[in-house]
Amino acid sequence: TYRINGHLAFWVTLFAVLCGCPYWHQDSQSVQFRSFPLEDWLYQYFSEFAFVTILLTTALSVYLYIDSFIGNKILAHGGNSGIPMYDFFMGREL
């Protein structure tokens, strides 16, 4: 079976960002939460992260498209039309 886990991943990530990082506080001998220390750093390098993400996902998409022609793969019904551009964006392999 093919399970889509994007919904669960979204909620787990949102929970982690809103709650922050847990750490052990020595004085009170308890677990406490603090905000992520990388906030300013992430805002400062946002455009670089976006550019690298676009490059990485494009390279991964091209690799997976080419790899779907090698071997005996299970192909998606919508991504196996015979039109290369359509198949690339729809995804050939499951």
Protein backbone atom coordinates (compact mmCIF):
# COMPACT_ATOMS: atom_id res chain seq x y z
CA THR A 1 0.00 0.00 0.00
CA TYR A 2 1.09 3.56 -0.66
CA ARG A 3 0.78 5.83 2.34
CA ILE A 4 0.96 9.60 2.12
CA ASN A 5 2.45 11.04 5.31
CA GLY A 6 2.69 14.73 4.42
CA HIS A 7 -0.23 15.69 6.65
CA LEU A 8 1.29 14.07 9.74
CA ALA A 9 4.73 15.51 8.94
CA PHE A 10 3.21 19.01 8.72
CA TRP A 11 1.59 18.76 12.16
CA VAL A 12 4.69 17.25 13.80
CA THR A 13 6.88 20.01 12.35
CA LEU A 14 4.44 22.73 13.37
CA PHE A 15 4.30 21.33 16.90
CA ALA A 16 8.10 21.22 17.12
CA VAL A 17 8.47 24.80 15.90
CA LEU A 18 5.80 26.20 18.21
CA CYS A 19 6.93 24.32 21.31
CA GLY A 20 10.65 24.82 20.79
CA CYS A 21 13.56 22.67 21.88
CA PRO A 22 13.33 20.71 25.12
CA TYR A 23 16.35 20.93 27.43
CA TRP A 24 17.21 19.87 30.97
CA HIS A 25 17.26 22.80 33.38
CA GLN A 26 19.73 22.07 36.21
CA ASP A 27 18.39 24.56 38.77
CA SER A 28 14.79 23.36 38.70
CA GLN A 29 15.67 19.74 37.82
CA SER A 30 13.02 19.61 35.10
CA VAL A 31 12.60 19.63 31.35
CA GLN A 32 11.85 23.08 29.96
CA PHE A 33 11.29 24.44 26.46
CA ARG A 34 13.08 27.30 24.73
CA SER A 35 12.69 28.78 21.30
CA PHE A 36 14.91 27.57 18.50
CA PRO A 37 18.30 29.31 18.64
CA LEU A 38 18.57 29.34 14.84
CA GLU A 39 15.71 31.77 14.23
CA ASP A 40 17.83 34.79 13.29
CA TRP A 41 20.26 32.66 11.32
CA LEU A 42 17.46 31.08 9.28
CA TYR A 43 15.97 34.49 8.46
CA GLN A 44 19.37 35.83 7.46
CA TYR A 45 20.06 33.01 4.97
CA PHE A 46 16.51 32.41 3.70
CA SER A 47 17.26 33.21 0.05
CA GLU A 48 20.30 30.90 0.01
CA PHE A 49 18.24 28.07 1.53
CA ALA A 50 15.50 28.62 -1.07
CA PHE A 51 18.01 28.56 -3.95
CA VAL A 52 19.75 25.39 -2.74
CA THR A 53 16.39 23.71 -2.13
CA ILE A 54 15.29 24.46 -5.69
CA LEU A 55 18.56 23.08 -7.09
CA LEU A 56 18.43 19.95 -4.92
CA THR A 57 14.80 19.13 -5.70
CA THR A 58 15.28 19.72 -9.43
CA ALA A 59 18.34 17.44 -9.50
CA LEU A 60 16.50 14.79 -7.49
CA SER A 61 13.47 14.98 -9.81
CA VAL A 62 15.61 14.55 -12.92
CA TYR A 63 17.49 11.64 -11.33
CA LEU A 64 14.28 9.87 -10.29
CA TYR A 65 12.71 10.41 -13.72
CA ILE A 66 15.73 8.92 -15.49
CA ASP A 67 15.94 6.10 -12.95
CA SER A 68 12.32 5.15 -13.60
CA PHE A 69 13.34 3.87 -17.05
CA ILE A 70 15.96 1.49 -15.63
CA GLY A 71 14.84 -1.93 -14.47
CA ASN A 72 11.37 -3.26 -13.79
CA LYS A 73 9.69 -0.46 -11.82
CA ILE A 74 6.09 -0.01 -10.71
CA LEU A 75 4.80 2.95 -12.73
CA ALA A 76 2.01 5.35 -11.81
CA HIS A 77 -1.05 5.32 -14.07
CA GLY A 78 -1.08 9.12 -14.42
CA GLY A 79 2.66 9.41 -15.02
CA ASN A 80 2.96 6.80 -17.76
CA SER A 81 1.19 8.58 -20.62
CA GLY A 82 4.05 8.55 -23.13
CA ILE A 83 4.34 12.35 -23.15
CA PRO A 84 7.76 13.03 -21.54
CA MET A 85 7.05 16.52 -20.14
CA TYR A 86 3.72 15.43 -18.65
CA ASP A 87 5.23 12.23 -17.23
CA PHE A 88 8.09 14.19 -15.65
CA PHE A 89 5.80 16.53 -13.72
CA MET A 90 3.23 13.88 -12.80
CA GLY A 91 5.86 11.37 -11.69
CA ARG A 92 6.46 8.09 -13.48
CA GLU A 93 7.40 5.79 -10.64
CA LEU A 94 5.49 5.11 -7.43
